[in-house]
Amino acid sequence: MAIMAIMVAVAFPNIGQTSDKLAKNEILRLVAAIELVRDQSIILNQEYGLNIDEEGYQFLVLSESEENNLKQAGKSNLSSNKSSDNNNNNNNENSGFDNEDSSTKSKDKLKGVKWQAIEDIPGLGEHEFPEGLDISLSIDGENVFSTSEDEIEIFEQDIDIFDDEDKKKKVKPPQIYFLSSGEQNQFSIAIAIVEEQQKNRDEKTFFRVRGFLTGNLEYEGPLEGNLFQDVDRDYDEEF
């Protein structure tokens, strides 16, 4: 089902470019891709990740050599610390998941290893957002993009014109992790059409996908509110 959803989204990338359909189409495409990655990580016992910014996103996989090295070194995941955490949190409704210590340790281990961009799986390759959209991202409760009007530093990175052209482009560690244990870090990704197209509305709207430490995924939209200020807001009404 996830593959079919991605194929539909790819086949109709420009539906409703001047309406909310464009934002909805993009968030549903992302949801389907995340679901596919989560299934892959569990079935293949591999660690996956996601990098996302205002321009687009890229799914990553932990390189096979790094995977083997971590396993040989006795790599632990989030669930390895559950029993000890639960002893101190027996009355916690979330069964220890509010304790971010184990999650932080797992992510720290995965930051210093080698990741590879996924290029051979349909729907998981590098994807660029269509024009006319604003993107908001929150990871572990912290906003990554504070506002759509943030200044862009075009000289953010120094360029060496004498760099070896054959040198492979470095892949940054993912912002969001999908572990083989079925768990992930907490995130919210929201997409809306640009503010100029919402000027005549009484309330601005956006579409959102949220991921939780337990591995659950939640899609919502359209939601009324500010794309950036309300990216992590809890809405009582179900959509």
Protein backbone atom coordinates (compact mmCIF):
# COMPACT_ATOMS: atom_id res chain seq x y z
CA MET A 1 0.00 0.00 0.00
CA ALA A 2 2.86 2.37 0.83
CA ILE A 3 4.51 1.74 -2.56
CA MET A 4 1.20 2.32 -4.38
CA ALA A 5 0.67 5.61 -2.51
CA ILE A 6 4.14 6.80 -3.49
CA MET A 7 3.55 5.88 -7.13
CA VAL A 8 0.32 7.85 -7.18
CA ALA A 9 2.02 10.88 -5.63
CA VAL A 10 4.86 10.69 -8.16
CA ALA A 11 2.48 10.32 -11.08
CA PHE A 12 0.51 13.44 -10.13
CA PRO A 13 3.07 15.87 -8.66
CA ASN A 14 1.36 19.06 -9.82
CA ILE A 15 -2.25 18.48 -8.83
CA GLY A 16 -3.85 21.65 -7.49
CA GLN A 17 -0.75 23.82 -7.50
CA THR A 18 -2.76 26.85 -6.34
CA SER A 19 -4.72 25.01 -3.62
CA ASP A 20 -4.24 22.95 -0.50
CA LYS A 21 -4.16 19.84 -2.66
CA LEU A 22 -0.50 20.47 -3.42
CA ALA A 23 0.42 20.52 0.28
CA LYS A 24 -1.77 17.50 1.01
CA ASN A 25 -0.27 15.58 -1.91
CA GLU A 26 3.26 16.20 -0.63
CA ILE A 27 2.55 15.23 2.97
CA LEU A 28 0.80 12.02 1.88
CA ARG A 29 3.75 11.16 -0.33
CA LEU A 30 6.06 11.65 2.65
CA VAL A 31 3.84 9.59 4.95
CA ALA A 32 3.84 6.70 2.46
CA ALA A 33 7.64 6.88 2.13
CA ILE A 34 8.14 6.90 5.91
CA GLU A 35 5.84 3.89 6.31
CA LEU A 36 7.84 2.03 3.66
CA VAL A 37 11.14 2.86 5.40
CA ARG A 38 9.82 1.77 8.78
CA ASP A 39 8.72 -1.57 7.34
CA GLN A 40 12.06 -2.01 5.59
CA SER A 41 14.03 -1.29 8.75
CA ILE A 42 12.22 -4.01 10.70
CA ILE A 43 12.10 -6.62 7.93
CA LEU A 44 15.73 -6.17 6.88
CA ASN A 45 17.00 -5.38 10.41
CA GLN A 46 18.64 -2.18 9.16
CA GLU A 47 18.86 1.37 10.45
CA TYR A 48 17.37 4.11 8.26
CA GLY A 49 17.23 7.89 8.50
CA LEU A 50 15.72 11.01 6.96
CA ASN A 51 17.18 14.43 6.19
CA ILE A 52 14.72 17.20 5.37
CA ASP A 53 14.88 20.95 4.74
CA GLU A 54 12.87 23.66 3.02
CA GLU A 55 13.95 22.41 -0.41
CA GLY A 56 13.23 18.69 -0.11
CA TYR A 57 14.26 15.49 1.63
CA GLN A 58 16.47 12.42 1.31
CA PHE A 59 16.19 8.99 2.94
CA LEU A 60 19.40 7.35 4.16
CA VAL A 61 20.52 3.87 5.17
CA LEU A 62 23.37 2.89 7.47
CA SER A 63 26.17 1.43 5.35
CA GLU A 64 26.59 -2.33 5.53
CA SER A 65 30.13 -2.11 6.93
CA GLU A 66 29.01 0.26 9.69
CA GLU A 67 26.04 -1.98 10.46
CA ASN A 68 28.31 -4.98 10.92
CA ASN A 69 30.78 -3.02 13.04
CA LEU A 70 28.06 -1.80 15.37
CA LYS A 71 26.59 -5.28 15.73
CA GLN A 72 29.98 -6.80 16.50
CA ALA A 73 30.55 -4.11 19.12
CA GLY A 74 27.25 -5.03 20.78
CA LYS A 75 25.15 -2.12 19.46
CA SER A 76 22.16 -1.42 21.66
CA ASN A 77 18.91 0.23 20.59
CA LEU A 78 16.19 2.08 22.47
CA SER A 79 14.49 -1.07 23.73
CA SER A 80 17.69 -2.39 25.38
CA ASN A 81 17.22 0.06 28.22
CA LYS A 82 13.47 -0.33 28.66
CA SER A 83 13.62 -2.78 31.55
CA SER A 84 15.87 -0.57 33.66
CA ASP A 85 13.89 2.54 32.74
CA ASN A 86 10.58 0.91 33.62
CA ASN A 87 11.82 0.03 37.11
CA ASN A 88 11.98 3.75 37.78
CA ASN A 89 8.82 4.63 35.86
CA ASN A 90 6.25 1.96 36.78
CA ASN A 91 3.52 4.55 37.15
CA ASN A 92 4.34 6.36 33.91
CA GLU A 93 1.59 6.04 31.31
CA ASN A 94 4.14 6.04 28.50
CA SER A 95 6.09 3.10 29.99
CA GLY A 96 9.35 4.97 30.18
CA PHE A 97 9.26 6.68 26.80
CA ASP A 98 9.16 10.11 28.45
CA ASN A 99 12.69 9.35 29.61
CA GLU A 100 14.79 10.57 26.67
CA ASP A 101 18.10 9.26 28.01
CA SER A 102 18.04 5.95 26.12
CA SER A 103 16.85 7.66 22.93
CA THR A 104 19.66 10.21 23.14
CA LYS A 105 22.29 7.52 23.64
CA SER A 106 21.05 5.58 20.62
CA LYS A 107 21.06 8.67 18.41
CA ASP A 108 24.53 9.67 19.59
CA LYS A 109 25.88 6.29 18.50
CA LEU A 110 24.38 6.74 15.03
CA LYS A 111 25.71 10.26 14.47
CA GLY A 112 29.34 9.25 14.12
CA VAL A 113 28.82 6.47 11.58
CA LYS A 114 28.65 6.41 7.81
CA TRP A 115 25.31 6.84 6.06
CA GLN A 116 24.42 6.30 2.41
CA ALA A 117 21.72 7.98 0.34
CA ILE A 118 19.02 5.60 -0.91
CA GLU A 119 18.91 5.68 -4.69
CA ASP A 120 17.68 2.25 -5.79
CA ILE A 121 14.26 2.10 -4.09
CA PRO A 122 11.35 3.85 -5.90
CA GLY A 123 9.89 6.65 -3.81
CA LEU A 124 12.84 6.83 -1.40
CA GLY A 125 15.30 8.72 -3.58
CA GLU A 126 16.06 12.41 -3.19
CA HIS A 127 12.84 14.43 -3.51
CA GLU A 128 12.49 18.15 -4.16
CA PHE A 129 9.41 20.01 -2.96
CA PRO A 130 7.38 21.76 -5.67
CA GLU A 131 7.34 25.56 -5.66
CA GLY A 132 4.58 27.26 -3.68
CA LEU A 133 5.01 25.39 -0.38
CA ASP A 134 6.28 26.30 3.08
CA ILE A 135 7.81 23.58 5.27
CA SER A 136 8.06 23.36 9.05
CA LEU A 137 10.03 20.79 11.03
CA SER A 138 10.25 20.00 14.74
CA ILE A 139 12.54 17.31 16.15
CA ASP A 140 12.29 16.19 19.76
CA GLY A 141 10.16 19.26 20.51
CA GLU A 142 12.52 21.82 18.98
CA ASN A 143 11.70 23.83 15.85
CA VAL A 144 14.31 23.46 13.13
CA PHE A 145 12.82 26.11 10.82
CA SER A 146 11.59 29.03 12.91
CA THR A 147 9.92 30.99 10.12
CA SER A 148 9.50 31.01 6.37
CA GLU A 149 11.07 34.46 6.26
CA ASP A 150 14.43 33.41 7.72
CA GLU A 151 17.34 34.81 5.76
CA ILE A 152 19.20 32.27 3.65
CA GLU A 153 22.97 32.40 3.86
CA ILE A 154 24.08 31.72 0.28
CA PHE A 155 27.74 31.56 1.31
CA GLU A 156 27.10 29.15 4.14
CA GLN A 157 29.77 26.72 2.95
CA ASP A 158 33.24 27.40 1.59
CA ILE A 159 33.82 25.94 -1.85
CA ASP A 160 37.22 24.63 -2.89
CA ILE A 161 37.45 24.79 -6.69
CA PHE A 162 40.41 22.43 -6.55
CA ASP A 163 38.48 19.63 -4.86
CA ASP A 164 38.74 16.26 -6.58
CA GLU A 165 35.68 15.99 -8.84
CA ASP A 166 35.57 12.26 -8.22
CA LYS A 167 35.40 12.75 -4.47
CA LYS A 168 32.07 11.50 -3.18
CA LYS A 169 29.76 14.04 -1.61
CA LYS A 170 29.63 13.64 2.15
CA VAL A 171 26.29 12.53 3.51
CA LYS A 172 25.24 14.26 6.71
CA PRO A 173 23.83 12.15 9.56
CA PRO A 174 20.03 12.01 9.44
CA GLN A 175 17.87 14.25 11.57
CA ILE A 176 15.24 11.54 12.02
CA TYR A 177 16.07 7.89 12.75
CA PHE A 178 14.04 4.74 12.01
CA LEU A 179 15.55 1.90 14.03
CA SER A 180 15.37 -1.82 13.34
CA SER A 181 13.69 -2.12 16.75
CA GLY A 182 10.66 -0.30 15.27
CA GLU A 183 11.34 2.89 17.21
CA GLN A 184 12.20 6.40 16.06
CA ASN A 185 12.88 9.83 17.49
CA GLN A 186 9.98 12.24 17.95
CA PHE A 187 9.25 14.62 15.08
CA SER A 188 6.61 16.78 13.42
CA ILE A 189 6.69 17.75 9.74
CA ALA A 190 4.15 20.29 8.50
CA ILE A 191 3.49 21.54 4.97
CA ALA A 192 1.27 24.39 3.73
CA ILE A 193 0.85 26.46 0.62
CA VAL A 194 2.77 29.75 0.78
CA GLU A 195 1.31 32.57 2.85
CA GLU A 196 0.56 34.70 -0.22
CA GLN A 197 -2.06 32.16 -1.27
CA GLN A 198 -3.70 32.22 2.16
CA LYS A 199 -4.02 35.98 2.60
CA ASN A 200 -7.77 36.02 1.97
CA ARG A 201 -8.48 33.32 4.54
CA ASP A 202 -9.73 33.93 8.05
CA GLU A 203 -7.54 31.10 9.31
CA LYS A 204 -4.38 29.67 7.79
CA THR A 205 -4.18 25.90 7.42
CA PHE A 206 -1.49 23.23 7.10
CA PHE A 207 -1.04 19.46 6.87
CA ARG A 208 1.09 17.51 9.32
CA VAL A 209 2.69 14.13 10.01
CA ARG A 210 3.93 13.33 13.52
CA GLY A 211 6.22 10.51 14.62
CA PHE A 212 6.48 9.25 18.20
CA LEU A 213 9.17 7.37 20.13
CA THR A 214 7.02 4.24 20.16
CA GLY A 215 7.15 4.11 16.35
CA ASN A 216 3.60 5.36 15.85
CA LEU A 217 2.84 7.69 12.96
CA GLU A 218 -0.02 10.20 12.84
CA TYR A 219 -1.28 12.17 9.84
CA GLU A 220 -3.51 15.24 10.34
CA GLY A 221 -4.94 17.94 8.14
CA PRO A 222 -6.06 20.42 7.26
CA LEU A 223 -5.30 22.01 10.63
CA GLU A 224 -5.99 25.64 11.40
CA GLY A 225 -3.08 27.60 12.80
CA ASN A 226 0.39 28.93 12.17
CA LEU A 227 2.61 26.51 10.28
CA PHE A 228 5.63 27.23 12.48
CA GLN A 229 4.17 28.14 15.85
CA ASP A 230 1.68 25.26 15.86
CA VAL A 231 3.80 22.50 14.32
CA ASP A 232 3.78 20.57 17.65
CA ARG A 233 0.40 21.75 18.90
CA ASP A 234 -1.99 19.09 20.22
CA TYR A 235 -5.37 19.34 18.50
CA ASP A 236 -8.31 17.86 20.36
CA GLU A 237 -10.41 17.51 17.22
CA GLU A 238 -9.65 14.48 15.05
CA PHE A 239 -9.46 14.91 11.31
